[in-house]
Amino acid sequence: MGDQTKKILVLCTGNSCRSQMAEGYLKHFAGDGAIVKSAGIETHGVNPRAIATMKEDNIDISGHTSNHVDEYAAITFDFVITVCDHARERCPVLPAKAKRFHHNFPDPAKATGSEEEVQEKFRFTRDLIKDYCRDFVAKNL
């Protein structure tokens, strides 16, 4: 891994769903081209439904951990992607060098209804995040 390897941080409120999905897809699409981390302003643990929904698309995020943004204070990231408005508003000041990106994805963890309806919301968000990450890697790496 040379110096050209980009470092990407995905930020969300709880680092349980959206940022975890994004981390999974960014790693998938970037391969060795990037080091990808995700973190939250709080840590809620990785959502089991997020793990299950990603597994349907053959991406395994079951080994991911839920991390607090402060854990990565020493890393100089090239890109910071916030995946919810709350994280963007409360985001700590990260190195000025980092290019910031923002996309407010709907939060599937807030979904209500039957099991099937909740799963559909997770799939919907997953597919939005997948498309976003594919485009992000194509344009920025």
C-alpha atoms as a PDB file:
ATOM      1  CA  MET A   1       0.000   0.000   0.000  1.00  0.00           C
ATOM      2  CA  GLY A   2       1.588   3.213  -1.169  1.00  0.00           C
ATOM      3  CA  ASP A   3       0.978   6.787  -0.145  1.00  0.00           C
ATOM      4  CA  GLN A   4      -1.683   7.071  -2.812  1.00  0.00           C
ATOM      5  CA  THR A   5      -3.993   4.851  -0.783  1.00  0.00           C
ATOM      6  CA  LYS A   6      -6.861   7.123   0.192  1.00  0.00           C
ATOM      7  CA  LYS A   7      -8.325   7.090   3.668  1.00  0.00           C
ATOM      8  CA  ILE A   8     -12.083   7.416   3.917  1.00  0.00           C
ATOM      9  CA  LEU A   9     -14.120   7.978   7.063  1.00  0.00           C
ATOM     10  CA  VAL A  10     -17.883   7.457   7.005  1.00  0.00           C
ATOM     11  CA  LEU A  11     -19.705   9.229   9.807  1.00  0.00           C
ATOM     12  CA  CYS A  12     -23.178   8.689  11.159  1.00  0.00           C
ATOM     13  CA  THR A  13     -24.893   9.289  14.474  1.00  0.00           C
ATOM     14  CA  GLY A  14     -24.639   5.815  15.978  1.00  0.00           C
ATOM     15  CA  ASN A  15     -22.365   3.887  13.593  1.00  0.00           C
ATOM     16  CA  SER A  16     -24.881   1.048  13.513  1.00  0.00           C
ATOM     17  CA  CYS A  17     -26.612   0.989  10.101  1.00  0.00           C
ATOM     18  CA  ARG A  18     -25.961   3.489   7.339  1.00  0.00           C
ATOM     19  CA  SER A  19     -22.292   4.149   8.002  1.00  0.00           C
ATOM     20  CA  GLN A  20     -21.680   0.419   8.416  1.00  0.00           C
ATOM     21  CA  MET A  21     -23.350  -0.342   5.085  1.00  0.00           C
ATOM     22  CA  ALA A  22     -21.356   2.425   3.431  1.00  0.00           C
ATOM     23  CA  GLU A  23     -18.116   1.111   4.916  1.00  0.00           C
ATOM     24  CA  GLY A  24     -18.939  -2.342   3.541  1.00  0.00           C
ATOM     25  CA  TYR A  25     -19.666  -1.075   0.039  1.00  0.00           C
ATOM     26  CA  LEU A  26     -16.753   1.369  -0.089  1.00  0.00           C
ATOM     27  CA  LYS A  27     -14.381  -1.464   0.841  1.00  0.00           C
ATOM     28  CA  HIS A  28     -16.029  -3.663  -1.775  1.00  0.00           C
ATOM     29  CA  PHE A  29     -15.796  -1.137  -4.612  1.00  0.00           C
ATOM     30  CA  ALA A  30     -12.438   0.412  -3.658  1.00  0.00           C
ATOM     31  CA  GLY A  31     -10.609  -2.836  -2.974  1.00  0.00           C
ATOM     32  CA  ASP A  32      -7.013  -2.027  -2.076  1.00  0.00           C
ATOM     33  CA  GLY A  33      -7.443   1.548  -3.315  1.00  0.00           C
ATOM     34  CA  ALA A  34      -8.667   2.856   0.008  1.00  0.00           C
ATOM     35  CA  ILE A  35      -8.623   2.356   3.735  1.00  0.00           C
ATOM     36  CA  VAL A  36     -12.196   2.726   4.916  1.00  0.00           C
ATOM     37  CA  LYS A  37     -13.355   3.323   8.485  1.00  0.00           C
ATOM     38  CA  SER A  38     -16.737   4.212   9.845  1.00  0.00           C
ATOM     39  CA  ALA A  39     -17.593   5.902  13.104  1.00  0.00           C
ATOM     40  CA  GLY A  40     -20.364   7.578  15.017  1.00  0.00           C
ATOM     41  CA  ILE A  41     -20.847  10.480  17.364  1.00  0.00           C
ATOM     42  CA  GLU A  42     -22.227   7.743  19.621  1.00  0.00           C
ATOM     43  CA  THR A  43     -21.800   3.974  19.322  1.00  0.00           C
ATOM     44  CA  HIS A  44     -24.910   1.836  19.145  1.00  0.00           C
ATOM     45  CA  GLY A  45     -23.354  -1.442  18.018  1.00  0.00           C
ATOM     46  CA  VAL A  46     -23.746  -2.886  14.526  1.00  0.00           C
ATOM     47  CA  ASN A  47     -27.434  -3.379  13.742  1.00  0.00           C
ATOM     48  CA  PRO A  48     -28.208  -7.095  13.147  1.00  0.00           C
ATOM     49  CA  ARG A  49     -30.638  -6.168  10.382  1.00  0.00           C
ATOM     50  CA  ALA A  50     -27.939  -4.146   8.643  1.00  0.00           C
ATOM     51  CA  ILE A  51     -25.699  -7.232   8.757  1.00  0.00           C
ATOM     52  CA  ALA A  52     -28.489  -9.443   7.380  1.00  0.00           C
ATOM     53  CA  THR A  53     -29.431  -6.991   4.615  1.00  0.00           C
ATOM     54  CA  MET A  54     -25.819  -6.657   3.476  1.00  0.00           C
ATOM     55  CA  LYS A  55     -25.389 -10.436   3.540  1.00  0.00           C
ATOM     56  CA  GLU A  56     -28.226 -10.687   0.976  1.00  0.00           C
ATOM     57  CA  ASP A  57     -25.917  -8.762  -1.356  1.00  0.00           C
ATOM     58  CA  ASN A  58     -22.907 -10.934  -0.451  1.00  0.00           C
ATOM     59  CA  ILE A  59     -21.185  -8.269   1.628  1.00  0.00           C
ATOM     60  CA  ASP A  60     -20.154  -9.460   5.069  1.00  0.00           C
ATOM     61  CA  ILE A  61     -20.068  -6.710   7.688  1.00  0.00           C
ATOM     62  CA  SER A  62     -20.563  -9.058  10.634  1.00  0.00           C
ATOM     63  CA  GLY A  63     -16.965  -8.472  11.728  1.00  0.00           C
ATOM     64  CA  HIS A  64     -17.372  -4.694  11.838  1.00  0.00           C
ATOM     65  CA  THR A  65     -17.203  -2.844  15.119  1.00  0.00           C
ATOM     66  CA  SER A  66     -19.123   0.247  16.172  1.00  0.00           C
ATOM     67  CA  ASN A  67     -16.529   2.956  16.707  1.00  0.00           C
ATOM     68  CA  HIS A  68     -16.552   6.436  18.182  1.00  0.00           C
ATOM     69  CA  VAL A  69     -15.170   9.162  15.946  1.00  0.00           C
ATOM     70  CA  ASP A  70     -12.618  10.136  18.616  1.00  0.00           C
ATOM     71  CA  GLU A  71     -10.872   6.793  18.113  1.00  0.00           C
ATOM     72  CA  TYR A  72      -9.713   8.004  14.710  1.00  0.00           C
ATOM     73  CA  ALA A  73      -8.521  11.457  15.766  1.00  0.00           C
ATOM     74  CA  ALA A  74      -4.911  10.546  14.955  1.00  0.00           C
ATOM     75  CA  ILE A  75      -5.645   9.478  11.367  1.00  0.00           C
ATOM     76  CA  THR A  76      -5.524  12.023   8.585  1.00  0.00           C
ATOM     77  CA  PHE A  77      -8.439  11.157   6.337  1.00  0.00           C
ATOM     78  CA  ASP A  78      -8.618  12.228   2.707  1.00  0.00           C
ATOM     79  CA  PHE A  79     -12.391  12.026   2.602  1.00  0.00           C
ATOM     80  CA  VAL A  80     -15.089  12.312   5.225  1.00  0.00           C
ATOM     81  CA  ILE A  81     -18.573  11.249   4.204  1.00  0.00           C
ATOM     82  CA  THR A  82     -21.451  12.074   6.524  1.00  0.00           C
ATOM     83  CA  VAL A  83     -24.465   9.876   5.860  1.00  0.00           C
ATOM     84  CA  CYS A  84     -27.034  11.670   8.004  1.00  0.00           C
ATOM     85  CA  ASP A  85     -27.836  15.317   8.683  1.00  0.00           C
ATOM     86  CA  HIS A  86     -27.441  14.853  12.432  1.00  0.00           C
ATOM     87  CA  ALA A  87     -23.838  13.687  12.020  1.00  0.00           C
ATOM     88  CA  ARG A  88     -23.059  16.613   9.727  1.00  0.00           C
ATOM     89  CA  GLU A  89     -24.431  19.102  12.251  1.00  0.00           C
ATOM     90  CA  ARG A  90     -22.731  17.538  15.270  1.00  0.00           C
ATOM     91  CA  CYS A  91     -19.605  16.405  13.490  1.00  0.00           C
ATOM     92  CA  PRO A  92     -16.429  17.261  15.348  1.00  0.00           C
ATOM     93  CA  VAL A  93     -13.884  19.308  13.485  1.00  0.00           C
ATOM     94  CA  LEU A  94     -11.765  16.895  11.515  1.00  0.00           C
ATOM     95  CA  PRO A  95      -8.527  17.669   9.698  1.00  0.00           C
ATOM     96  CA  ALA A  96      -9.080  20.522   7.268  1.00  0.00           C
ATOM     97  CA  LYS A  97      -7.308  18.492   4.613  1.00  0.00           C
ATOM     98  CA  ALA A  98     -10.223  16.073   4.390  1.00  0.00           C
ATOM     99  CA  LYS A  99     -12.679  16.620   1.571  1.00  0.00           C
ATOM    100  CA  ARG A 100     -16.166  16.487   2.968  1.00  0.00           C
ATOM    101  CA  PHE A 101     -19.110  14.800   1.316  1.00  0.00           C
ATOM    102  CA  HIS A 102     -22.644  14.589   2.587  1.00  0.00           C
ATOM    103  CA  HIS A 103     -25.646  12.512   1.668  1.00  0.00           C
ATOM    104  CA  ASN A 104     -28.605  12.155   4.003  1.00  0.00           C
ATOM    105  CA  PHE A 105     -29.787   8.567   3.677  1.00  0.00           C
ATOM    106  CA  PRO A 106     -33.081   7.561   5.321  1.00  0.00           C
ATOM    107  CA  ASP A 107     -32.513   5.765   8.632  1.00  0.00           C
ATOM    108  CA  PRO A 108     -33.812   2.196   8.356  1.00  0.00           C
ATOM    109  CA  ALA A 109     -33.372   1.694  12.112  1.00  0.00           C
ATOM    110  CA  LYS A 110     -36.336   4.054  12.605  1.00  0.00           C
ATOM    111  CA  ALA A 111     -38.532   1.969  10.294  1.00  0.00           C
ATOM    112  CA  THR A 112     -41.822   0.712  11.698  1.00  0.00           C
ATOM    113  CA  GLY A 113     -44.386  -1.771  10.467  1.00  0.00           C
ATOM    114  CA  SER A 114     -44.297  -5.485   9.826  1.00  0.00           C
ATOM    115  CA  GLU A 115     -41.033  -7.417   9.647  1.00  0.00           C
ATOM    116  CA  GLU A 116     -41.388  -7.416   5.858  1.00  0.00           C
ATOM    117  CA  GLU A 117     -41.926  -3.632   5.720  1.00  0.00           C
ATOM    118  CA  VAL A 118     -38.932  -2.997   7.946  1.00  0.00           C
ATOM    119  CA  GLN A 119     -36.773  -5.293   5.802  1.00  0.00           C
ATOM    120  CA  GLU A 120     -37.907  -3.427   2.687  1.00  0.00           C
ATOM    121  CA  LYS A 121     -36.758  -0.123   4.231  1.00  0.00           C
ATOM    122  CA  PHE A 122     -33.379  -1.655   5.027  1.00  0.00           C
ATOM    123  CA  ARG A 123     -33.059  -2.922   1.445  1.00  0.00           C
ATOM    124  CA  PHE A 124     -34.115   0.439   0.042  1.00  0.00           C
ATOM    125  CA  THR A 125     -31.476   2.290   2.074  1.00  0.00           C
ATOM    126  CA  ARG A 126     -28.875  -0.385   1.287  1.00  0.00           C
ATOM    127  CA  ASP A 127     -29.433   0.032  -2.457  1.00  0.00           C
ATOM    128  CA  LEU A 128     -29.196   3.830  -2.229  1.00  0.00           C
ATOM    129  CA  ILE A 129     -25.934   3.492  -0.297  1.00  0.00           C
ATOM    130  CA  LYS A 130     -24.604   0.926  -2.770  1.00  0.00           C
ATOM    131  CA  ASP A 131     -25.206   3.265  -5.722  1.00  0.00           C
ATOM    132  CA  TYR A 132     -23.714   6.194  -3.842  1.00  0.00           C
ATOM    133  CA  CYS A 133     -20.575   4.253  -2.896  1.00  0.00           C
ATOM    134  CA  ARG A 134     -20.091   2.891  -6.410  1.00  0.00           C
ATOM    135  CA  ASP A 135     -20.283   6.462  -7.793  1.00  0.00           C
ATOM    136  CA  PHE A 136     -18.065   7.835  -5.030  1.00  0.00           C
ATOM    137  CA  VAL A 137     -15.296   5.335  -5.760  1.00  0.00           C
ATOM    138  CA  ALA A 138     -15.578   5.896  -9.518  1.00  0.00           C
ATOM    139  CA  LYS A 139     -15.303   9.668  -9.168  1.00  0.00           C
ATOM    140  CA  ASN A 140     -12.827  10.042  -6.325  1.00  0.00           C
ATOM    141  CA  LEU A 141     -10.411   7.120  -6.295  1.00  0.00           C
END
